Amino acid sequence: MSSRNSTRWMWGQACDLLDQAERLHRQFFRLSTSRQARPVWEPPVDVFEDDELLIVVVALPGARAECVEVILEGAVLLVRAETQMPFRSRGSAVRRLEIPYGYFERRIEVPELQMESATREFVDGCLIIKLRKAH
């Protein structure tokens, strides 16, 4: 393969990877419809379950723990709050904005189980909610 063809191939691969990364970013930090009249973004979520616990991990960069509302309504766990841009000052310009800010709301379907208790903690920019199953 000539160097010209290999360069074209590498650029094609790089562009494909950038397109894939952009699609994943849109998938995980997407705007959603809400009962609110304003735009809402949905943070990515992981859910783990064993015999004792249901653990929900919500990625919330920039969110303050005391501002996040968590409500369990039947088989839906609702997590919502509003995040502010950390570096807003008069005369400053945004050069790149990839982390979503503003109002977020995420409805997470969970098994409709009797829960004894719930705990929540923030670790490394993630909200970790642990729901202990009743036995």
N, C-alpha and C. Protein backbone atom coordinates (compact mmCIF):
# COMPACT_ATOMS: atom_id res chain seq x y z
N MET A 1 0.85 -1.17 0.00
CA MET A 1 0.00 0.00 0.00
C MET A 1 0.90 1.23 0.00
N SER A 2 0.60 2.18 -0.86
CA SER A 2 1.42 3.39 -0.92
C SER A 2 1.16 4.26 0.30
N SER A 3 2.11 5.16 0.60
CA SER A 3 1.96 6.03 1.76
C SER A 3 0.76 6.96 1.59
N ARG A 4 0.45 7.33 0.35
CA ARG A 4 -0.71 8.19 0.09
C ARG A 4 -2.00 7.46 0.45
N ASN A 5 -2.11 6.20 0.08
CA ASN A 5 -3.30 5.41 0.40
C ASN A 5 -3.40 5.13 1.90
N SER A 6 -2.27 4.87 2.54
CA SER A 6 -2.32 4.61 3.98
C SER A 6 -2.70 5.87 4.75
N THR A 7 -2.25 7.02 4.30
CA THR A 7 -2.64 8.28 4.94
C THR A 7 -4.14 8.50 4.79
N ARG A 8 -4.67 8.28 3.61
CA ARG A 8 -6.10 8.43 3.37
C ARG A 8 -6.87 7.45 4.25
N TRP A 9 -6.40 6.22 4.35
CA TRP A 9 -7.06 5.21 5.18
C TRP A 9 -7.06 5.63 6.65
N MET A 10 -5.89 6.13 7.16
CA MET A 10 -5.82 6.55 8.56
C MET A 10 -6.76 7.71 8.84
N TRP A 11 -6.81 8.69 7.93
CA TRP A 11 -7.71 9.83 8.12
C TRP A 11 -9.17 9.35 8.11
N GLY A 12 -9.48 8.41 7.24
CA GLY A 12 -10.84 7.86 7.20
C GLY A 12 -11.19 7.17 8.51
N GLN A 13 -10.26 6.38 9.04
CA GLN A 13 -10.47 5.71 10.33
C GLN A 13 -10.64 6.73 11.45
N ALA A 14 -9.81 7.77 11.46
CA ALA A 14 -9.89 8.80 12.50
C ALA A 14 -11.24 9.51 12.44
N CYS A 15 -11.69 9.85 11.25
CA CYS A 15 -13.00 10.52 11.10
C CYS A 15 -14.13 9.61 11.54
N ASP A 16 -14.05 8.33 11.22
CA ASP A 16 -15.08 7.38 11.66
C ASP A 16 -15.12 7.30 13.19
N LEU A 17 -13.95 7.27 13.84
CA LEU A 17 -13.90 7.22 15.30
C LEU A 17 -14.47 8.49 15.92
N LEU A 18 -14.17 9.64 15.34
CA LEU A 18 -14.74 10.89 15.84
C LEU A 18 -16.26 10.92 15.70
N ASP A 19 -16.77 10.43 14.59
CA ASP A 19 -18.23 10.34 14.40
C ASP A 19 -18.85 9.42 15.44
N GLN A 20 -18.21 8.30 15.70
CA GLN A 20 -18.71 7.35 16.69
C GLN A 20 -18.70 7.98 18.09
N ALA A 21 -17.65 8.70 18.44
CA ALA A 21 -17.58 9.36 19.74
C ALA A 21 -18.69 10.41 19.87
N GLU A 22 -18.96 11.15 18.83
CA GLU A 22 -20.01 12.16 18.85
C GLU A 22 -21.39 11.51 19.04
N ARG A 23 -21.62 10.39 18.36
CA ARG A 23 -22.90 9.67 18.53
C ARG A 23 -23.05 9.18 19.97
N LEU A 24 -21.98 8.64 20.55
CA LEU A 24 -22.05 8.17 21.94
C LEU A 24 -22.30 9.33 22.89
N HIS A 25 -21.67 10.47 22.65
CA HIS A 25 -21.87 11.64 23.51
C HIS A 25 -23.33 12.08 23.45
N ARG A 26 -23.90 12.14 22.26
CA ARG A 26 -25.31 12.52 22.12
C ARG A 26 -26.22 11.50 22.79
N GLN A 27 -25.85 10.22 22.73
CA GLN A 27 -26.67 9.17 23.34
C GLN A 27 -26.68 9.31 24.86
N PHE A 28 -25.54 9.56 25.47
CA PHE A 28 -25.46 9.58 26.93
C PHE A 28 -25.87 10.90 27.54
N PHE A 29 -25.59 12.00 26.89
CA PHE A 29 -25.96 13.31 27.41
C PHE A 29 -26.97 13.94 26.47
N ARG A 30 -28.16 13.36 26.43
CA ARG A 30 -29.16 13.80 25.48
C ARG A 30 -30.22 14.66 26.14
N LEU A 31 -30.82 15.51 25.32
CA LEU A 31 -31.96 16.27 25.78
C LEU A 31 -33.18 15.37 25.75
N SER A 32 -34.11 15.60 26.65
CA SER A 32 -35.30 14.78 26.68
C SER A 32 -36.52 15.66 26.82
N THR A 33 -37.66 15.03 26.67
CA THR A 33 -38.89 15.75 26.93
C THR A 33 -39.23 15.56 28.40
N SER A 34 -39.83 16.55 28.96
CA SER A 34 -40.15 16.54 30.37
C SER A 34 -41.49 17.20 30.57
N ARG A 35 -42.00 17.08 31.77
CA ARG A 35 -43.22 17.80 32.12
C ARG A 35 -42.93 19.28 32.28
N GLN A 36 -41.66 19.62 32.33
CA GLN A 36 -41.23 21.01 32.42
C GLN A 36 -41.31 21.64 31.03
N ALA A 37 -41.44 22.94 30.97
CA ALA A 37 -41.49 23.64 29.69
C ALA A 37 -40.10 23.99 29.17
N ARG A 38 -39.06 23.65 29.90
CA ARG A 38 -37.70 24.00 29.51
C ARG A 38 -36.93 22.75 29.07
N PRO A 39 -35.83 22.95 28.35
CA PRO A 39 -35.03 21.79 27.93
C PRO A 39 -34.47 21.04 29.14
N VAL A 40 -34.39 19.76 29.01
CA VAL A 40 -33.91 18.89 30.09
C VAL A 40 -32.87 17.95 29.49
N TRP A 41 -31.76 17.76 30.20
CA TRP A 41 -30.80 16.76 29.76
C TRP A 41 -30.89 15.56 30.68
N GLU A 42 -30.53 14.41 30.16
CA GLU A 42 -30.57 13.17 30.93
C GLU A 42 -29.17 12.64 31.13
N PRO A 43 -28.74 12.52 32.38
CA PRO A 43 -27.40 11.97 32.63
C PRO A 43 -27.39 10.45 32.40
N PRO A 44 -26.22 9.90 32.06
CA PRO A 44 -26.12 8.44 31.91
C PRO A 44 -26.24 7.75 33.26
N VAL A 45 -26.77 6.53 33.23
CA VAL A 45 -27.08 5.78 34.45
C VAL A 45 -26.64 4.34 34.28
N ASP A 46 -26.10 3.75 35.35
CA ASP A 46 -25.85 2.31 35.43
C ASP A 46 -26.69 1.78 36.59
N VAL A 47 -27.26 0.57 36.43
CA VAL A 47 -28.07 -0.05 37.50
C VAL A 47 -27.53 -1.46 37.73
N PHE A 48 -27.26 -1.77 39.00
CA PHE A 48 -26.75 -3.08 39.39
C PHE A 48 -27.70 -3.66 40.43
N GLU A 49 -27.84 -4.98 40.43
CA GLU A 49 -28.73 -5.62 41.39
C GLU A 49 -28.14 -6.94 41.85
N ASP A 50 -28.29 -7.19 43.15
CA ASP A 50 -27.98 -8.51 43.70
C ASP A 50 -29.12 -8.89 44.64
N ASP A 51 -28.93 -9.90 45.48
CA ASP A 51 -30.00 -10.36 46.36
C ASP A 51 -30.39 -9.33 47.42
N GLU A 52 -29.45 -8.48 47.80
CA GLU A 52 -29.67 -7.53 48.89
C GLU A 52 -29.98 -6.10 48.43
N LEU A 53 -29.34 -5.67 47.36
CA LEU A 53 -29.37 -4.26 46.98
C LEU A 53 -29.71 -4.05 45.52
N LEU A 54 -30.26 -2.87 45.27
CA LEU A 54 -30.36 -2.32 43.93
C LEU A 54 -29.52 -1.04 43.97
N ILE A 55 -28.49 -0.97 43.14
CA ILE A 55 -27.56 0.15 43.16
C ILE A 55 -27.69 0.91 41.84
N VAL A 56 -27.92 2.21 41.95
CA VAL A 56 -28.07 3.07 40.78
C VAL A 56 -26.93 4.09 40.82
N VAL A 57 -26.17 4.18 39.73
CA VAL A 57 -25.07 5.13 39.63
C VAL A 57 -25.44 6.13 38.54
N VAL A 58 -25.48 7.41 38.91
CA VAL A 58 -25.86 8.47 37.99
C VAL A 58 -24.68 9.42 37.82
N ALA A 59 -24.21 9.61 36.59
CA ALA A 59 -23.08 10.52 36.32
C ALA A 59 -23.59 11.96 36.36
N LEU A 60 -23.11 12.73 37.33
CA LEU A 60 -23.57 14.10 37.51
C LEU A 60 -22.39 15.07 37.66
N PRO A 61 -21.65 15.32 36.59
CA PRO A 61 -20.53 16.25 36.71
C PRO A 61 -21.03 17.65 37.06
N GLY A 62 -20.45 18.24 38.08
CA GLY A 62 -20.79 19.59 38.46
C GLY A 62 -21.99 19.74 39.37
N ALA A 63 -22.68 18.66 39.68
CA ALA A 63 -23.86 18.75 40.56
C ALA A 63 -23.43 18.78 42.02
N ARG A 64 -24.12 19.59 42.81
CA ARG A 64 -23.87 19.63 44.25
C ARG A 64 -24.85 18.67 44.93
N ALA A 65 -24.34 17.84 45.83
CA ALA A 65 -25.13 16.79 46.47
C ALA A 65 -26.40 17.33 47.12
N GLU A 66 -26.31 18.47 47.78
CA GLU A 66 -27.47 18.99 48.50
C GLU A 66 -28.56 19.53 47.57
N CYS A 67 -28.26 19.68 46.29
CA CYS A 67 -29.25 20.21 45.34
C CYS A 67 -29.96 19.12 44.54
N VAL A 68 -29.51 17.88 44.67
CA VAL A 68 -30.09 16.79 43.87
C VAL A 68 -31.28 16.19 44.62
N GLU A 69 -32.39 16.10 43.92
CA GLU A 69 -33.61 15.52 44.48
C GLU A 69 -33.76 14.10 43.97
N VAL A 70 -34.03 13.16 44.88
CA VAL A 70 -34.22 11.76 44.52
C VAL A 70 -35.56 11.32 45.08
N ILE A 71 -36.44 10.80 44.20
CA ILE A 71 -37.77 10.37 44.60
C ILE A 71 -38.02 8.98 44.03
N LEU A 72 -38.50 8.07 44.88
CA LEU A 72 -38.89 6.73 44.43
C LEU A 72 -40.40 6.70 44.38
N GLU A 73 -40.96 6.55 43.18
CA GLU A 73 -42.41 6.49 42.98
C GLU A 73 -42.75 5.17 42.31
N GLY A 74 -43.12 4.18 43.10
CA GLY A 74 -43.44 2.86 42.54
C GLY A 74 -42.22 2.24 41.89
N ALA A 75 -42.29 2.04 40.57
CA ALA A 75 -41.20 1.40 39.84
C ALA A 75 -40.34 2.42 39.11
N VAL A 76 -40.41 3.69 39.52
CA VAL A 76 -39.61 4.73 38.87
C VAL A 76 -38.83 5.51 39.92
N LEU A 77 -37.53 5.60 39.68
CA LEU A 77 -36.66 6.42 40.52
C LEU A 77 -36.40 7.70 39.74
N LEU A 78 -36.76 8.83 40.33
CA LEU A 78 -36.60 10.13 39.68
C LEU A 78 -35.43 10.87 40.33
N VAL A 79 -34.49 11.30 39.49
CA VAL A 79 -33.33 12.08 39.96
C VAL A 79 -33.36 13.38 39.18
N ARG A 80 -33.35 14.53 39.91
CA ARG A 80 -33.39 15.81 39.22
C ARG A 80 -32.71 16.90 40.04
N ALA A 81 -32.25 17.91 39.32
CA ALA A 81 -31.62 19.10 39.93
C ALA A 81 -31.28 20.06 38.80
N GLU A 82 -30.57 21.09 39.16
CA GLU A 82 -30.08 22.04 38.16
C GLU A 82 -28.62 22.32 38.47
N THR A 83 -27.80 22.24 37.45
CA THR A 83 -26.37 22.51 37.62
C THR A 83 -26.03 23.84 36.96
N GLN A 84 -25.09 24.53 37.55
CA GLN A 84 -24.66 25.83 37.05
C GLN A 84 -23.27 25.70 36.43
N MET A 85 -23.01 26.52 35.43
CA MET A 85 -21.66 26.55 34.87
C MET A 85 -20.71 27.08 35.94
N PRO A 86 -19.59 26.41 36.17
CA PRO A 86 -18.71 26.81 37.27
C PRO A 86 -17.91 28.08 37.00
N PHE A 87 -17.70 28.45 35.76
CA PHE A 87 -16.81 29.57 35.44
C PHE A 87 -17.54 30.61 34.59
N ARG A 88 -18.54 31.21 35.18
CA ARG A 88 -19.26 32.27 34.47
C ARG A 88 -18.82 33.61 35.04
N SER A 89 -18.23 34.40 34.21
CA SER A 89 -17.87 35.75 34.64
C SER A 89 -18.06 36.70 33.47
N ARG A 90 -18.27 37.92 33.80
CA ARG A 90 -18.50 38.92 32.77
C ARG A 90 -17.26 39.03 31.88
N GLY A 91 -17.50 39.01 30.60
CA GLY A 91 -16.41 39.15 29.65
C GLY A 91 -15.70 37.85 29.31
N SER A 92 -16.09 36.74 29.93
CA SER A 92 -15.44 35.47 29.60
C SER A 92 -16.13 34.83 28.40
N ALA A 93 -15.39 34.05 27.67
CA ALA A 93 -15.92 33.36 26.50
C ALA A 93 -15.84 31.86 26.72
N VAL A 94 -16.81 31.15 26.23
CA VAL A 94 -16.79 29.69 26.28
C VAL A 94 -16.08 29.20 25.02
N ARG A 95 -15.00 28.47 25.20
CA ARG A 95 -14.23 27.96 24.07
C ARG A 95 -14.67 26.55 23.67
N ARG A 96 -15.16 25.80 24.64
CA ARG A 96 -15.67 24.45 24.38
C ARG A 96 -16.64 24.14 25.51
N LEU A 97 -17.78 23.53 25.16
CA LEU A 97 -18.78 23.20 26.17
C LEU A 97 -19.34 21.82 25.85
N GLU A 98 -18.84 20.80 26.54
CA GLU A 98 -19.28 19.43 26.32
C GLU A 98 -20.02 18.87 27.52
N ILE A 99 -19.73 19.36 28.72
CA ILE A 99 -20.43 18.91 29.91
C ILE A 99 -21.76 19.65 29.97
N PRO A 100 -22.87 18.92 30.09
CA PRO A 100 -24.16 19.61 30.10
C PRO A 100 -24.40 20.33 31.43
N TYR A 101 -25.02 21.50 31.33
CA TYR A 101 -25.40 22.29 32.50
C TYR A 101 -26.86 22.66 32.36
N GLY A 102 -27.46 23.04 33.47
CA GLY A 102 -28.86 23.42 33.46
C GLY A 102 -29.69 22.36 34.17
N TYR A 103 -30.97 22.39 33.91
CA TYR A 103 -31.89 21.47 34.57
C TYR A 103 -31.74 20.07 34.00
N PHE A 104 -31.66 19.07 34.87
CA PHE A 104 -31.67 17.69 34.40
C PHE A 104 -32.72 16.91 35.16
N GLU A 105 -33.18 15.89 34.49
CA GLU A 105 -34.18 15.00 35.09
C GLU A 105 -34.00 13.64 34.45
N ARG A 106 -33.93 12.62 35.28
CA ARG A 106 -33.78 11.26 34.76
C ARG A 106 -34.75 10.36 35.49
N ARG A 107 -35.59 9.68 34.74
CA ARG A 107 -36.53 8.69 35.27
C ARG A 107 -35.96 7.32 34.96
N ILE A 108 -35.70 6.55 36.02
CA ILE A 108 -35.06 5.26 35.88
C ILE A 108 -36.05 4.19 36.33
N GLU A 109 -36.38 3.29 35.42
CA GLU A 109 -37.27 2.20 35.79
C GLU A 109 -36.49 1.20 36.65
N VAL A 110 -37.09 0.85 37.79
CA VAL A 110 -36.49 -0.12 38.71
C VAL A 110 -37.55 -1.17 39.01
N PRO A 111 -37.13 -2.35 39.44
CA PRO A 111 -38.12 -3.37 39.81
C PRO A 111 -39.02 -2.85 40.93
N GLU A 112 -40.29 -3.13 40.83
CA GLU A 112 -41.22 -2.68 41.87
C GLU A 112 -41.13 -3.65 43.04
N LEU A 113 -40.23 -3.34 43.94
CA LEU A 113 -39.96 -4.17 45.11
C LEU A 113 -40.18 -3.37 46.38
N GLN A 114 -40.41 -4.05 47.47
CA GLN A 114 -40.45 -3.37 48.78
C GLN A 114 -39.01 -3.07 49.17
N MET A 115 -38.77 -1.82 49.50
CA MET A 115 -37.44 -1.41 49.90
C MET A 115 -37.44 -1.06 51.38
N GLU A 116 -36.42 -1.50 52.10
CA GLU A 116 -36.30 -1.18 53.53
C GLU A 116 -35.72 0.20 53.74
N SER A 117 -34.69 0.54 52.99
CA SER A 117 -34.04 1.83 53.17
C SER A 117 -33.28 2.20 51.90
N ALA A 118 -32.91 3.45 51.85
CA ALA A 118 -32.13 3.94 50.72
C ALA A 118 -31.02 4.84 51.26
N THR A 119 -29.86 4.75 50.65
CA THR A 119 -28.77 5.66 50.98
C THR A 119 -28.29 6.28 49.68
N ARG A 120 -27.67 7.45 49.81
CA ARG A 120 -27.09 8.08 48.64
C ARG A 120 -25.80 8.78 49.02
N GLU A 121 -24.86 8.73 48.09
CA GLU A 121 -23.57 9.39 48.31
C GLU A 121 -23.01 9.85 46.96
N PHE A 122 -22.19 10.87 47.01
CA PHE A 122 -21.49 11.34 45.83
C PHE A 122 -20.06 10.85 45.87
N VAL A 123 -19.63 10.20 44.80
CA VAL A 123 -18.27 9.70 44.69
C VAL A 123 -17.77 10.01 43.28
N ASP A 124 -16.70 10.78 43.19
CA ASP A 124 -16.04 11.08 41.91
C ASP A 124 -17.02 11.58 40.84
N GLY A 125 -17.91 12.49 41.20
CA GLY A 125 -18.84 13.07 40.24
C GLY A 125 -20.05 12.21 39.91
N CYS A 126 -20.22 11.12 40.67
CA CYS A 126 -21.36 10.24 40.46
C CYS A 126 -22.21 10.16 41.72
N LEU A 127 -23.52 10.17 41.54
CA LEU A 127 -24.45 9.93 42.63
C LEU A 127 -24.68 8.43 42.69
N ILE A 128 -24.45 7.84 43.86
CA ILE A 128 -24.65 6.40 44.04
C ILE A 128 -25.82 6.22 45.00
N ILE A 129 -26.90 5.62 44.51
CA ILE A 129 -28.09 5.39 45.30
C ILE A 129 -28.17 3.88 45.56
N LYS A 130 -28.27 3.52 46.84
CA LYS A 130 -28.38 2.11 47.22
C LYS A 130 -29.75 1.89 47.85
N LEU A 131 -30.54 1.04 47.23
CA LEU A 131 -31.86 0.68 47.74
C LEU A 131 -31.79 -0.73 48.31
N ARG A 132 -31.99 -0.85 49.61
CA ARG A 132 -31.92 -2.16 50.27
C ARG A 132 -33.28 -2.84 50.15
N LYS A 133 -33.27 -4.07 49.66
CA LYS A 133 -34.51 -4.82 49.45
C LYS A 133 -35.03 -5.35 50.79
N ALA A 134 -36.34 -5.32 50.96
CA ALA A 134 -36.98 -5.89 52.15
C ALA A 134 -37.05 -7.41 51.98
N HIS A 135 -36.86 -8.13 53.08
CA HIS A 135 -36.92 -9.60 52.99
C HIS A 135 -38.02 -10.12 53.87
